[in-house]
N, C-alpha and C. Protein backbone atom coordinates (compact mmCIF):
# COMPACT_ATOMS: atom_id res chain seq x y z
N MET A 1 -1.73 22.08 3.89
CA MET A 1 -2.18 23.13 2.93
C MET A 1 -2.43 22.65 1.52
N ALA A 2 -3.68 22.73 0.93
CA ALA A 2 -3.69 22.37 -0.50
C ALA A 2 -3.14 23.03 -1.44
N GLY A 3 -2.62 22.36 -2.38
CA GLY A 3 -1.96 23.11 -3.54
C GLY A 3 -2.89 23.72 -4.50
N THR A 4 -2.42 24.50 -5.42
CA THR A 4 -3.43 25.33 -6.27
C THR A 4 -4.13 24.50 -7.36
N VAL A 5 -3.72 23.20 -7.47
CA VAL A 5 -4.37 22.21 -8.41
C VAL A 5 -5.25 21.24 -7.73
N GLY A 6 -5.52 21.27 -6.42
CA GLY A 6 -6.43 20.52 -5.80
C GLY A 6 -6.00 19.35 -4.94
N PHE A 7 -4.71 19.11 -5.04
CA PHE A 7 -4.17 18.00 -4.20
C PHE A 7 -2.87 18.56 -3.37
N GLU A 8 -2.74 17.77 -2.38
CA GLU A 8 -1.51 18.03 -1.33
C GLU A 8 -0.20 17.83 -1.99
N THR A 9 0.76 18.63 -1.53
CA THR A 9 2.29 18.24 -1.90
C THR A 9 2.48 16.89 -1.35
N GLY A 10 3.18 16.13 -2.13
CA GLY A 10 3.56 14.80 -1.77
C GLY A 10 2.44 13.65 -2.05
N THR A 11 1.41 14.22 -2.70
CA THR A 11 0.32 13.19 -3.19
C THR A 11 0.81 12.20 -4.41
N PRO A 12 0.76 10.98 -4.26
CA PRO A 12 1.20 10.15 -5.28
C PRO A 12 0.60 10.55 -6.77
N VAL A 13 1.19 10.58 -7.79
CA VAL A 13 0.49 10.80 -9.02
C VAL A 13 1.14 10.02 -10.10
N ASP A 14 0.41 9.79 -11.18
CA ASP A 14 0.69 9.11 -12.42
C ASP A 14 1.17 10.28 -13.48
N VAL A 15 2.36 10.14 -14.13
CA VAL A 15 2.72 11.40 -14.93
C VAL A 15 2.75 10.66 -16.39
N ARG A 16 2.15 11.32 -17.31
CA ARG A 16 2.12 11.13 -18.67
C ARG A 16 2.69 12.15 -19.40
N VAL A 17 3.70 11.84 -20.32
CA VAL A 17 4.39 12.82 -21.11
C VAL A 17 3.99 12.69 -22.57
N LEU A 18 3.31 13.83 -23.27
CA LEU A 18 2.98 13.79 -24.62
C LEU A 18 3.58 14.92 -25.20
N PRO A 19 3.76 15.07 -26.50
CA PRO A 19 4.27 16.21 -27.20
C PRO A 19 3.60 17.58 -26.64
N ASP A 20 4.37 18.36 -26.13
CA ASP A 20 3.97 19.67 -25.65
C ASP A 20 2.77 19.44 -24.74
N CYS A 21 2.92 18.36 -23.88
CA CYS A 21 1.76 18.39 -22.83
C CYS A 21 2.43 17.33 -21.77
N LEU A 22 2.13 17.69 -20.51
CA LEU A 22 2.32 16.83 -19.32
C LEU A 22 1.08 16.62 -18.44
N ILE A 23 0.57 15.49 -18.30
CA ILE A 23 -0.50 15.08 -17.56
C ILE A 23 -0.29 14.45 -16.33
N LEU A 24 -0.76 15.16 -15.19
CA LEU A 24 -0.56 14.54 -13.84
C LEU A 24 -1.86 14.19 -13.44
N THR A 25 -1.92 12.83 -13.00
CA THR A 25 -3.18 12.21 -12.61
C THR A 25 -3.07 11.75 -10.92
N VAL A 26 -3.87 12.16 -10.19
CA VAL A 26 -3.73 11.56 -8.83
C VAL A 26 -3.79 10.07 -8.63
N LYS A 27 -2.97 9.32 -8.14
CA LYS A 27 -3.29 7.95 -7.95
C LYS A 27 -4.37 7.64 -7.02
N PRO A 28 -5.24 6.77 -7.12
CA PRO A 28 -6.25 6.45 -6.24
C PRO A 28 -5.51 5.66 -5.04
N PRO A 29 -6.07 6.09 -3.92
CA PRO A 29 -5.43 5.28 -2.66
C PRO A 29 -5.79 3.92 -2.72
N SER A 30 -4.72 3.18 -2.28
CA SER A 30 -4.68 1.62 -2.29
C SER A 30 -5.53 1.20 -1.19
N ALA A 31 -6.36 0.10 -1.36
CA ALA A 31 -7.04 -0.61 -0.36
C ALA A 31 -6.36 -1.28 0.55
N GLU A 32 -5.07 -1.54 0.24
CA GLU A 32 -3.99 -2.25 1.17
C GLU A 32 -2.84 -1.51 1.46
N PRO A 33 -2.27 -1.60 2.65
CA PRO A 33 -1.04 -1.18 2.97
C PRO A 33 0.05 -1.58 2.01
N GLU A 34 1.11 -0.74 1.79
CA GLU A 34 2.23 -1.16 0.89
C GLU A 34 2.82 -2.49 1.40
N VAL A 35 2.90 -2.66 2.62
CA VAL A 35 3.56 -3.99 3.16
C VAL A 35 2.91 -5.21 2.75
N ILE A 36 1.36 -5.09 2.69
CA ILE A 36 0.60 -6.20 2.28
C ILE A 36 0.85 -6.44 0.75
N GLN A 37 0.89 -5.23 0.03
CA GLN A 37 1.14 -5.39 -1.46
C GLN A 37 2.47 -6.09 -1.83
N ALA A 38 3.52 -5.73 -0.99
CA ALA A 38 4.88 -6.37 -1.17
C ALA A 38 4.71 -7.86 -0.86
N LEU A 39 4.09 -8.20 0.30
CA LEU A 39 3.95 -9.46 0.70
C LEU A 39 3.21 -10.46 -0.35
N ARG A 40 2.09 -9.90 -1.07
CA ARG A 40 1.43 -10.58 -2.08
C ARG A 40 2.12 -10.83 -3.24
N GLN A 41 3.20 -9.91 -3.49
CA GLN A 41 4.13 -10.35 -4.77
C GLN A 41 5.22 -11.42 -4.16
N LEU A 42 5.50 -11.38 -3.00
CA LEU A 42 6.45 -12.19 -2.53
C LEU A 42 6.04 -13.65 -2.35
N CYS A 43 4.69 -13.76 -1.90
CA CYS A 43 4.11 -15.11 -1.51
C CYS A 43 4.21 -16.17 -2.61
N PRO A 44 4.06 -15.75 -3.80
CA PRO A 44 4.02 -17.03 -5.03
C PRO A 44 5.41 -17.60 -5.12
N LYS A 45 6.40 -16.83 -4.60
CA LYS A 45 7.69 -17.31 -4.68
C LYS A 45 8.05 -18.22 -3.64
N LEU A 46 7.28 -18.23 -2.43
CA LEU A 46 7.56 -19.01 -1.32
C LEU A 46 6.91 -20.42 -1.27
N SER A 47 7.41 -21.41 -0.65
CA SER A 47 6.80 -22.72 -0.67
C SER A 47 5.35 -22.52 0.06
N ALA A 48 4.53 -23.61 -0.17
CA ALA A 48 3.31 -23.52 0.45
C ALA A 48 3.22 -23.31 1.93
N ARG A 49 4.24 -24.23 2.73
CA ARG A 49 4.45 -24.20 4.00
C ARG A 49 4.74 -22.55 4.59
N LYS A 50 5.76 -22.06 3.89
CA LYS A 50 6.15 -20.70 4.15
C LYS A 50 5.15 -19.80 3.87
N GLN A 51 4.16 -19.95 2.93
CA GLN A 51 3.11 -19.03 2.71
C GLN A 51 1.98 -19.09 3.99
N ARG A 52 1.79 -20.26 4.30
CA ARG A 52 0.88 -20.59 5.43
C ARG A 52 1.50 -19.99 6.61
N GLU A 53 2.77 -20.02 7.00
CA GLU A 53 3.34 -19.48 8.09
C GLU A 53 3.26 -18.03 8.18
N LEU A 54 3.62 -17.44 6.86
CA LEU A 54 3.59 -15.96 6.81
C LEU A 54 2.16 -15.50 6.90
N MET A 55 1.16 -16.05 6.47
CA MET A 55 -0.23 -15.70 6.67
C MET A 55 -0.62 -15.84 8.15
N ASP A 56 -0.15 -16.84 8.81
CA ASP A 56 -0.33 -16.86 10.31
C ASP A 56 0.05 -15.63 11.06
N VAL A 57 1.36 -15.27 10.56
CA VAL A 57 2.01 -14.07 11.25
C VAL A 57 1.26 -12.89 10.97
N ILE A 58 0.80 -12.71 9.75
CA ILE A 58 0.02 -11.44 9.28
C ILE A 58 -1.30 -11.43 10.12
N GLN A 59 -2.05 -12.68 10.35
CA GLN A 59 -3.35 -12.69 11.00
C GLN A 59 -3.07 -12.26 12.48
N VAL A 60 -1.86 -12.60 13.08
CA VAL A 60 -1.72 -12.38 14.46
C VAL A 60 -1.37 -10.82 14.70
N MET A 61 -0.79 -10.27 13.60
CA MET A 61 -0.39 -8.85 13.58
C MET A 61 -1.56 -8.17 13.33
N ALA A 62 -2.58 -8.49 12.61
CA ALA A 62 -3.61 -7.66 12.19
C ALA A 62 -4.74 -7.63 13.25
N LYS A 63 -4.66 -8.55 14.16
CA LYS A 63 -5.84 -8.58 15.27
C LYS A 63 -5.68 -7.47 16.09
N PRO A 64 -6.86 -6.84 16.57
CA PRO A 64 -6.81 -5.74 17.43
C PRO A 64 -6.10 -6.05 18.75
N LYS A 65 -5.35 -5.20 19.24
CA LYS A 65 -4.64 -5.57 20.59
C LYS A 65 -5.54 -5.14 21.72
N LYS A 66 -5.53 -6.09 22.61
CA LYS A 66 -6.24 -5.85 23.76
C LYS A 66 -5.32 -5.18 24.94
N ARG A 67 -5.93 -4.32 25.55
CA ARG A 67 -5.29 -3.63 26.45
C ARG A 67 -5.51 -4.13 27.99
N GLY A 68 -4.47 -4.34 28.59
CA GLY A 68 -4.46 -4.87 29.88
C GLY A 68 -4.84 -3.87 31.08
N ALA A 69 -5.22 -4.23 32.13
CA ALA A 69 -5.71 -3.36 33.18
C ALA A 69 -4.49 -3.00 34.11
N GLY A 70 -3.44 -2.62 33.44
CA GLY A 70 -2.41 -2.26 34.47
C GLY A 70 -1.21 -1.79 33.77
């Protein structure tokens, strides 16, 4: 059910507080899932070898799964 201000309850918002004023702005949806954003922040802290290993794991996880006939 939509709220009276045009967005759903639980929608992420930015909040600005000004004198006698409160501004709520809906955050635009991220193009990447939160887990990918977190990994991007972590990657520069890892060695080059660990970064490659992590990216290999992510690529395997991102591939569409094939369903077997059984």
